[in-house]
């Protein structure tokens, strides 16, 4: 919040700016402390836009890609959870909500493409939680109308 307090006055003065925060699902199995922090960010992303209003030229939103196949998740988090809870990767993944348009984790480059889209269209997401899935579907990267894997 301190960073927002530092940059927001200048953005409001210039009538231009974007504040985007990355959040993820909360209430995930095996991630209660992480989820608590993300709920705080979600609340802030609803509060700040209501404080500044809709017509300031400044857009504030959160980006929520769900689960992304980063090295943190794949190389560190998943193996640690599997060891700690003595479950297979399949059992672990069964407890994780699916990403629309994917059979597993979202590739990092797809997440980045979705994030760039939301920042470029920030005024459409002011005060909202933005997900990348519709933009990726429109770009032909994934197909939300089938259970198929992402396009190559």
Foldseek 3Di string as FASTA:
>chain_A
DVVCVVCVVVCLVVLAEEAEAEAEDAPAPPQPVNRVVRVVVLVVQQPPCVVVDLRRNYAGEYEYAYFAPDCCVVVPVQVVVCVVVVHDSVVNQVRGDDGQQAPGHHYPVLSVVQVVVCVVVRSVQGSHYDYSVVVCCVVQQGPNVDNDHGDD
